[in-house]
Protein backbone atom coordinates (compact mmCIF):
# COMPACT_ATOMS: atom_id res chain seq x y z
CA MET A 1 117.58 131.46 97.22
CA GLN A 2 120.21 130.42 94.69
CA GLU A 3 121.35 127.49 96.83
CA HIS A 4 117.92 125.80 96.75
CA PHE A 5 117.55 122.80 94.47
CA HIS A 6 114.97 123.30 91.74
CA PHE A 7 113.45 120.22 90.17
CA THR A 8 113.71 120.54 86.39
CA THR A 9 112.93 116.98 85.27
CA ASP A 10 109.54 116.41 83.68
CA PRO A 11 107.22 114.63 86.16
CA ALA A 12 105.93 112.40 83.34
CA LYS A 13 109.48 111.18 82.69
CA LEU A 14 109.93 110.49 86.38
CA GLN A 15 106.67 108.54 86.43
CA LYS A 16 107.82 106.44 83.46
CA GLN A 17 111.06 105.66 85.28
CA TYR A 18 109.12 104.66 88.37
CA ALA A 19 106.79 102.44 86.34
CA ALA A 20 109.73 100.67 84.71
CA ILE A 21 111.43 100.11 88.06
CA PHE A 22 108.18 98.94 89.63
CA CYS A 23 107.58 96.38 86.86
CA PHE A 24 111.12 95.05 87.20
CA VAL A 25 110.94 94.83 91.00
CA SER A 26 107.55 93.14 91.03
CA ALA A 27 108.70 90.57 88.46
CA GLN A 28 111.83 89.76 90.45
CA LEU A 29 110.02 89.72 93.78
CA SER A 30 107.38 87.32 92.51
CA LEU A 31 110.16 84.81 91.78
CA ILE A 32 111.37 84.78 95.39
CA GLN A 33 108.04 85.37 97.14
CA MET A 34 107.71 81.72 98.14
CA TYR A 35 110.96 81.92 100.11
CA LEU A 36 109.91 84.95 102.13
CA HIS A 37 108.30 84.00 105.40
CA ARG A 38 107.02 87.19 106.98
CA ARG A 39 104.80 87.61 109.96
CA ASN A 40 102.20 90.33 110.43
CA ARG A 41 101.42 90.65 106.72
CA HIS A 42 98.00 91.98 107.66
CA LEU A 43 99.62 95.10 109.18
CA VAL A 44 101.38 96.15 105.97
CA LYS A 45 100.78 99.79 104.97
CA GLN A 46 102.61 99.59 101.62
CA GLU A 47 103.46 96.59 99.49
CA ASP A 48 107.10 95.51 99.28
CA GLU A 49 107.27 96.30 95.56
CA VAL A 50 106.28 99.93 96.11
CA VAL A 51 108.81 100.47 98.88
CA MET A 52 111.65 98.93 96.87
CA ALA A 53 110.77 100.82 93.69
CA VAL A 54 110.62 104.18 95.48
CA HIS A 55 113.93 103.48 97.21
CA LEU A 56 115.63 102.50 93.94
CA LEU A 57 114.30 105.59 92.19
CA GLY A 58 115.76 107.76 94.94
CA LYS A 59 119.12 106.07 94.57
CA LEU A 60 119.05 106.51 90.79
CA LEU A 61 118.34 110.22 91.23
CA GLY A 62 121.38 110.51 93.50
CA PHE A 63 119.92 110.80 96.98
CA SER A 64 122.13 109.24 99.62
CA SER A 65 119.68 109.21 102.53
CA GLU A 66 116.02 108.46 103.08
CA ARG A 67 115.53 111.81 104.80
CA ALA A 68 116.87 113.78 101.83
CA TRP A 69 114.72 111.76 99.41
CA HIS A 70 111.59 112.26 101.53
CA ARG A 71 112.25 115.99 101.83
CA PHE A 72 112.68 116.23 98.07
CA VAL A 73 109.49 114.29 97.30
CA THR A 74 107.34 116.25 99.71
CA GLY A 75 108.74 119.56 98.45
CA ASN A 76 108.73 118.94 94.71
CA LEU A 77 106.36 116.15 93.88
């Protein structure tokens, strides 16, 4: 059991980090939104800002793969 990773960071701090990243990403994405020509926008399950913010938060916490980040989130958050 000693080899298992235990999450010690306060969830409120993590939420503040996510909120800051989300605000930054949404501000930057709104500047380039007119240049993005995407099809099938009606099939979107999550907005682009949310996906980018979650991905950046995972990278900032040190996760190198999407699978490891997903496993961590489902296990600890």
